[in-house]
C-alpha atoms as a PDB file:
ATOM      1  CA  MET A   1     117.747  30.326 123.535  1.00  0.00           C
ATOM      2  CA  SER A   2     120.931  28.316 124.052  1.00  0.00           C
ATOM      3  CA  GLY A   3     124.364  29.616 123.126  1.00  0.00           C
ATOM      4  CA  ASN A   4     124.464  27.296 120.127  1.00  0.00           C
ATOM      5  CA  ASN A   5     121.188  28.642 118.737  1.00  0.00           C
ATOM      6  CA  GLY A   6     122.497  32.180 119.160  1.00  0.00           C
ATOM      7  CA  SER A   7     125.664  31.394 117.239  1.00  0.00           C
ATOM      8  CA  GLU A   8     123.645  29.703 114.481  1.00  0.00           C
ATOM      9  CA  MET A   9     121.447  32.784 114.181  1.00  0.00           C
ATOM     10  CA  GLN A  10     124.500  35.051 114.117  1.00  0.00           C
ATOM     11  CA  SER A  11     126.039  32.876 111.405  1.00  0.00           C
ATOM     12  CA  ARG A  12     122.876  33.117 109.269  1.00  0.00           C
ATOM     13  CA  ASP A  13     122.808  36.879 109.804  1.00  0.00           C
ATOM     14  CA  SER A  14     126.462  37.130 108.777  1.00  0.00           C
ATOM     15  CA  ILE A  15     125.879  35.150 105.593  1.00  0.00           C
ATOM     16  CA  GLY A  16     122.859  37.337 104.829  1.00  0.00           C
ATOM     17  CA  TYR A  17     124.973  40.450 105.302  1.00  0.00           C
ATOM     18  CA  ILE A  18     127.702  39.086 103.033  1.00  0.00           C
ATOM     19  CA  ARG A  19     125.105  38.275 100.377  1.00  0.00           C
ATOM     20  CA  GLN A  20     123.630  41.764 100.601  1.00  0.00           C
ATOM     21  CA  MET A  21     127.076  43.378 100.227  1.00  0.00           C
ATOM     22  CA  LEU A  22     127.882  41.136  97.261  1.00  0.00           C
ATOM     23  CA  GLY A  23     124.693  42.328  95.578  1.00  0.00           C
ATOM     24  CA  GLU A  24     125.758  45.930  96.053  1.00  0.00           C
ATOM     25  CA  MET A  25     129.288  45.195  94.846  1.00  0.00           C
ATOM     26  CA  ARG A  26     127.829  43.537  91.745  1.00  0.00           C
ATOM     27  CA  ILE A  27     126.026  46.777  90.857  1.00  0.00           C
ATOM     28  CA  VAL A  28     129.238  48.802  91.214  1.00  0.00           C
ATOM     29  CA  ALA A  29     131.246  46.301  89.165  1.00  0.00           C
ATOM     30  CA  GLU A  30     128.604  46.339  86.437  1.00  0.00           C
ATOM     31  CA  LYS A  31     128.684  50.150  86.263  1.00  0.00           C
ATOM     32  CA  GLU A  32     132.462  49.931  85.860  1.00  0.00           C
ATOM     33  CA  GLY A  33     132.171  47.406  83.039  1.00  0.00           C
ATOM     34  CA  ALA A  34     134.138  44.817  85.006  1.00  0.00           C
ATOM     35  CA  HIS A  35     132.560  41.750  83.424  1.00  0.00           C
ATOM     36  CA  MET A  36     134.819  39.091  84.957  1.00  0.00           C
ATOM     37  CA  LEU A  37     134.463  40.690  88.375  1.00  0.00           C
ATOM     38  CA  CYS A  38     130.667  40.707  87.937  1.00  0.00           C
ATOM     39  CA  TYR A  39     130.769  37.008  87.155  1.00  0.00           C
ATOM     40  CA  LEU A  40     132.906  36.176  90.187  1.00  0.00           C
ATOM     41  CA  ILE A  41     130.723  38.279  92.486  1.00  0.00           C
ATOM     42  CA  GLU A  42     127.622  36.548  91.095  1.00  0.00           C
ATOM     43  CA  MET A  43     129.163  33.154  91.868  1.00  0.00           C
ATOM     44  CA  ALA A  44     129.912  34.251  95.437  1.00  0.00           C
ATOM     45  CA  PHE A  45     126.357  35.644  95.714  1.00  0.00           C
ATOM     46  CA  GLU A  46     124.913  32.292  94.637  1.00  0.00           C
ATOM     47  CA  GLU A  47     127.179  30.402  97.042  1.00  0.00           C
ATOM     48  CA  ALA A  48     126.042  32.633  99.910  1.00  0.00           C
ATOM     49  CA  GLY A  49     122.423  31.952  98.933  1.00  0.00           C
ATOM     50  CA  ASP A  50     123.089  28.215  98.949  1.00  0.00           C
ATOM     51  CA  LEU A  51     124.608  28.507 102.432  1.00  0.00           C
ATOM     52  CA  GLN A  52     121.589  30.469 103.657  1.00  0.00           C
ATOM     53  CA  ARG A  53     119.170  27.852 102.344  1.00  0.00           C
ATOM     54  CA  GLN A  54     121.243  25.014 103.786  1.00  0.00           C
ATOM     55  CA  ARG A  55     121.464  26.591 107.226  1.00  0.00           C
ATOM     56  CA  ASN A  56     117.787  27.525 107.237  1.00  0.00           C
ATOM     57  CA  SER A  57     116.769  23.952 106.407  1.00  0.00           C
ATOM     58  CA  GLN A  58     119.100  22.618 109.118  1.00  0.00           C
ATOM     59  CA  SER A  59     117.567  24.909 111.732  1.00  0.00           C
ATOM     60  CA  ILE A  60     114.056  23.873 110.667  1.00  0.00           C
ATOM     61  CA  ARG A  61     114.985  20.193 111.047  1.00  0.00           C
ATOM     62  CA  LYS A  62     116.442  20.840 114.508  1.00  0.00           C
ATOM     63  CA  ALA A  63     113.236  22.595 115.565  1.00  0.00           C
ATOM     64  CA  GLN A  64     111.067  19.616 114.577  1.00  0.00           C
END
């Protein structure tokens, strides 16, 4: 594995971690009745998911 592949994997792992934490934060915000905060967290959650999909498809193309 080259250094670049390692950094790409670390980046995907980091985005996955961020997405997981956002999901947990969304639950806390919902329990607190913080509707606007829930919305903003959901938008960040979706953005993180988009980044994950984009980076996964890029790594698949590089492997081909």
